[in-house]
Amino acid sequence: MVHIALPESAINPAKALSKPGYFADTGIPALIREMMALGCTGGPKQMVAKIAGGSKIMDPKNVFNIGNRNILAIKKILWKYGVSPRSEDVGGTMSRTVTINAQTGKITLSSPGRADWSI
């Protein structure tokens, strides 16, 4: 799992080196490399991607549009690797907490005031 905060690492190359998961353009390739190093067979095209997040929590007037920019950057990078997201729950104005069951691949999302749901 990668928790991306910003789409592009060019704004802080030093941070991208120390925390590649902070940026979409460094986090996704780092995750794929790590998965391959840990024995994922078949390459990225055999991997399953699920995307959650990208809401407008701290930018109600869409000044920076970080959530949408992150979603687009993630999809573009995944496409470059030949990976299509199997499912997603993105955008909107609510925060999400993500829980992953590594054995089953089930992703459970939760948000204050809402029942848990899966993607």
C-alpha atoms as a PDB file:
ATOM      1  CA  MET A   1       0.000   0.000   0.000  1.00  0.00           C
ATOM      2  CA  VAL A   2       1.117   3.508  -0.721  1.00  0.00           C
ATOM      3  CA  HIS A   3      -0.408   6.606   0.902  1.00  0.00           C
ATOM      4  CA  ILE A   4       0.147   9.361  -1.635  1.00  0.00           C
ATOM      5  CA  ALA A   5      -0.023  12.983  -0.554  1.00  0.00           C
ATOM      6  CA  LEU A   6       1.060  14.761  -3.736  1.00  0.00           C
ATOM      7  CA  PRO A   7       1.165  13.848  -7.421  1.00  0.00           C
ATOM      8  CA  GLU A   8       4.668  14.967  -8.407  1.00  0.00           C
ATOM      9  CA  SER A   9       8.018  14.693  -6.645  1.00  0.00           C
ATOM     10  CA  ALA A  10       9.657  17.538  -8.586  1.00  0.00           C
ATOM     11  CA  ILE A  11       8.623  19.999  -5.871  1.00  0.00           C
ATOM     12  CA  ASN A  12      10.832  18.227  -3.290  1.00  0.00           C
ATOM     13  CA  PRO A  13      13.388  15.764  -4.735  1.00  0.00           C
ATOM     14  CA  ALA A  14      15.052  15.257  -1.337  1.00  0.00           C
ATOM     15  CA  LYS A  15      11.761  14.166   0.223  1.00  0.00           C
ATOM     16  CA  ALA A  16      11.119  11.888  -2.762  1.00  0.00           C
ATOM     17  CA  LEU A  17      14.393  10.093  -2.013  1.00  0.00           C
ATOM     18  CA  SER A  18      13.687   9.686   1.685  1.00  0.00           C
ATOM     19  CA  LYS A  19       9.911   9.075   1.402  1.00  0.00           C
ATOM     20  CA  PRO A  20       9.057   7.971  -2.138  1.00  0.00           C
ATOM     21  CA  GLY A  21       5.531   6.943  -1.096  1.00  0.00           C
ATOM     22  CA  TYR A  22       4.649  10.578  -0.458  1.00  0.00           C
ATOM     23  CA  PHE A  23       4.425  11.239  -4.216  1.00  0.00           C
ATOM     24  CA  ALA A  24       2.543   9.335  -6.919  1.00  0.00           C
ATOM     25  CA  ASP A  25       5.384   9.459  -9.435  1.00  0.00           C
ATOM     26  CA  THR A  26       7.874   7.891  -7.034  1.00  0.00           C
ATOM     27  CA  GLY A  27       5.589   5.906  -4.712  1.00  0.00           C
ATOM     28  CA  ILE A  28       3.913   3.661  -7.247  1.00  0.00           C
ATOM     29  CA  PRO A  29       7.158   2.652  -9.008  1.00  0.00           C
ATOM     30  CA  ALA A  30       8.767   2.013  -5.585  1.00  0.00           C
ATOM     31  CA  LEU A  31       5.822  -0.169  -4.541  1.00  0.00           C
ATOM     32  CA  ILE A  32       5.979  -2.160  -7.771  1.00  0.00           C
ATOM     33  CA  ARG A  33       9.760  -2.639  -7.429  1.00  0.00           C
ATOM     34  CA  GLU A  34       9.332  -3.825  -3.836  1.00  0.00           C
ATOM     35  CA  MET A  35       6.559  -6.232  -4.774  1.00  0.00           C
ATOM     36  CA  MET A  36       8.734  -7.681  -7.538  1.00  0.00           C
ATOM     37  CA  ALA A  37      11.676  -7.998  -5.130  1.00  0.00           C
ATOM     38  CA  LEU A  38       9.431  -9.884  -2.706  1.00  0.00           C
ATOM     39  CA  GLY A  39       8.533 -12.434  -5.345  1.00  0.00           C
ATOM     40  CA  CYS A  40       5.455 -11.211  -7.219  1.00  0.00           C
ATOM     41  CA  THR A  41       5.490 -13.173 -10.442  1.00  0.00           C
ATOM     42  CA  GLY A  42       4.177 -12.139 -13.812  1.00  0.00           C
ATOM     43  CA  GLY A  43       5.154  -8.487 -13.540  1.00  0.00           C
ATOM     44  CA  PRO A  44       2.993  -5.447 -12.907  1.00  0.00           C
ATOM     45  CA  LYS A  45       0.310  -6.545 -15.394  1.00  0.00           C
ATOM     46  CA  GLN A  46      -0.528  -9.417 -13.038  1.00  0.00           C
ATOM     47  CA  MET A  47      -0.896  -7.098 -10.021  1.00  0.00           C
ATOM     48  CA  VAL A  48      -4.235  -5.902  -8.673  1.00  0.00           C
ATOM     49  CA  ALA A  49      -4.673  -2.193  -7.986  1.00  0.00           C
ATOM     50  CA  LYS A  50      -7.435  -0.656  -5.918  1.00  0.00           C
ATOM     51  CA  ILE A  51      -7.613   3.091  -5.349  1.00  0.00           C
ATOM     52  CA  ALA A  52      -9.197   4.990  -2.463  1.00  0.00           C
ATOM     53  CA  GLY A  53      -8.986   8.620  -1.435  1.00  0.00           C
ATOM     54  CA  GLY A  54      -8.471  11.843  -3.301  1.00  0.00           C
ATOM     55  CA  SER A  55     -11.180  13.773  -1.499  1.00  0.00           C
ATOM     56  CA  LYS A  56     -11.500  17.552  -1.118  1.00  0.00           C
ATOM     57  CA  ILE A  57     -11.181  17.810   2.641  1.00  0.00           C
ATOM     58  CA  MET A  58      -8.920  20.816   3.092  1.00  0.00           C
ATOM     59  CA  ASP A  59      -9.548  22.538  -0.250  1.00  0.00           C
ATOM     60  CA  PRO A  60     -13.323  23.147  -0.501  1.00  0.00           C
ATOM     61  CA  LYS A  61     -12.912  25.834  -3.187  1.00  0.00           C
ATOM     62  CA  ASN A  62     -10.699  23.599  -5.378  1.00  0.00           C
ATOM     63  CA  VAL A  63      -7.797  26.045  -5.301  1.00  0.00           C
ATOM     64  CA  PHE A  64      -5.138  23.315  -5.392  1.00  0.00           C
ATOM     65  CA  ASN A  65      -7.285  20.344  -6.466  1.00  0.00           C
ATOM     66  CA  ILE A  66      -4.730  17.950  -4.933  1.00  0.00           C
ATOM     67  CA  GLY A  67      -7.154  15.040  -4.580  1.00  0.00           C
ATOM     68  CA  ASN A  68      -8.134  15.035  -8.238  1.00  0.00           C
ATOM     69  CA  ARG A  69      -4.533  15.610  -9.340  1.00  0.00           C
ATOM     70  CA  ASN A  70      -3.447  12.631  -7.218  1.00  0.00           C
ATOM     71  CA  ILE A  71      -6.147  10.396  -8.716  1.00  0.00           C
ATOM     72  CA  LEU A  72      -5.166  11.359 -12.267  1.00  0.00           C
ATOM     73  CA  ALA A  73      -1.435  10.912 -11.575  1.00  0.00           C
ATOM     74  CA  ILE A  74      -2.012   7.493 -10.012  1.00  0.00           C
ATOM     75  CA  LYS A  75      -4.114   6.280 -12.938  1.00  0.00           C
ATOM     76  CA  LYS A  76      -1.595   7.605 -15.459  1.00  0.00           C
ATOM     77  CA  ILE A  77       1.305   5.830 -13.745  1.00  0.00           C
ATOM     78  CA  LEU A  78      -0.627   2.588 -13.357  1.00  0.00           C
ATOM     79  CA  TRP A  79      -1.568   2.764 -17.047  1.00  0.00           C
ATOM     80  CA  LYS A  80       2.125   3.162 -17.914  1.00  0.00           C
ATOM     81  CA  TYR A  81       2.740  -0.156 -16.129  1.00  0.00           C
ATOM     82  CA  GLY A  82      -0.229  -1.812 -17.831  1.00  0.00           C
ATOM     83  CA  VAL A  83      -2.285  -1.950 -14.632  1.00  0.00           C
ATOM     84  CA  SER A  84      -5.973  -1.019 -14.563  1.00  0.00           C
ATOM     85  CA  PRO A  85      -7.541  -0.390 -11.173  1.00  0.00           C
ATOM     86  CA  ARG A  86      -9.882  -3.257 -10.323  1.00  0.00           C
ATOM     87  CA  SER A  87     -11.976  -0.986  -8.126  1.00  0.00           C
ATOM     88  CA  GLU A  88     -11.928   2.493  -6.674  1.00  0.00           C
ATOM     89  CA  ASP A  89     -13.648   4.812  -4.246  1.00  0.00           C
ATOM     90  CA  VAL A  90     -12.256   8.267  -4.954  1.00  0.00           C
ATOM     91  CA  GLY A  91     -13.103  11.947  -4.799  1.00  0.00           C
ATOM     92  CA  GLY A  92     -15.897  13.507  -2.832  1.00  0.00           C
ATOM     93  CA  THR A  93     -15.518  15.383   0.423  1.00  0.00           C
ATOM     94  CA  MET A  94     -15.174  12.641   3.048  1.00  0.00           C
ATOM     95  CA  SER A  95     -12.031  11.251   4.595  1.00  0.00           C
ATOM     96  CA  ARG A  96     -11.396   7.519   4.347  1.00  0.00           C
ATOM     97  CA  THR A  97      -9.502   5.089   6.518  1.00  0.00           C
ATOM     98  CA  VAL A  98      -8.208   2.077   4.601  1.00  0.00           C
ATOM     99  CA  THR A  99      -7.775  -1.418   6.033  1.00  0.00           C
ATOM    100  CA  ILE A 100      -6.218  -4.190   3.953  1.00  0.00           C
ATOM    101  CA  ASN A 101      -6.500  -7.915   4.532  1.00  0.00           C
ATOM    102  CA  ALA A 102      -3.240  -9.065   2.926  1.00  0.00           C
ATOM    103  CA  GLN A 103      -4.376 -12.688   2.743  1.00  0.00           C
ATOM    104  CA  THR A 104      -7.627 -12.041   0.888  1.00  0.00           C
ATOM    105  CA  GLY A 105      -6.903  -8.715  -0.821  1.00  0.00           C
ATOM    106  CA  LYS A 106     -10.110  -7.291   0.654  1.00  0.00           C
ATOM    107  CA  ILE A 107     -10.001  -3.539   1.136  1.00  0.00           C
ATOM    108  CA  THR A 108     -12.327  -2.106   3.773  1.00  0.00           C
ATOM    109  CA  LEU A 109     -12.966   1.623   3.972  1.00  0.00           C
ATOM    110  CA  SER A 110     -14.377   3.526   6.881  1.00  0.00           C
ATOM    111  CA  SER A 111     -15.380   7.124   7.426  1.00  0.00           C
ATOM    112  CA  PRO A 112     -16.877   8.897  10.438  1.00  0.00           C
ATOM    113  CA  GLY A 113     -20.659   8.635  10.497  1.00  0.00           C
ATOM    114  CA  ARG A 114     -20.837   5.985   7.790  1.00  0.00           C
ATOM    115  CA  ALA A 115     -20.926   2.177   7.894  1.00  0.00           C
ATOM    116  CA  ASP A 116     -17.787   0.395   6.645  1.00  0.00           C
ATOM    117  CA  TRP A 117     -17.726  -0.643   2.991  1.00  0.00           C
ATOM    118  CA  SER A 118     -15.429  -2.632   0.716  1.00  0.00           C
ATOM    119  CA  ILE A 119     -13.867  -2.051  -2.661  1.00  0.00           C
END
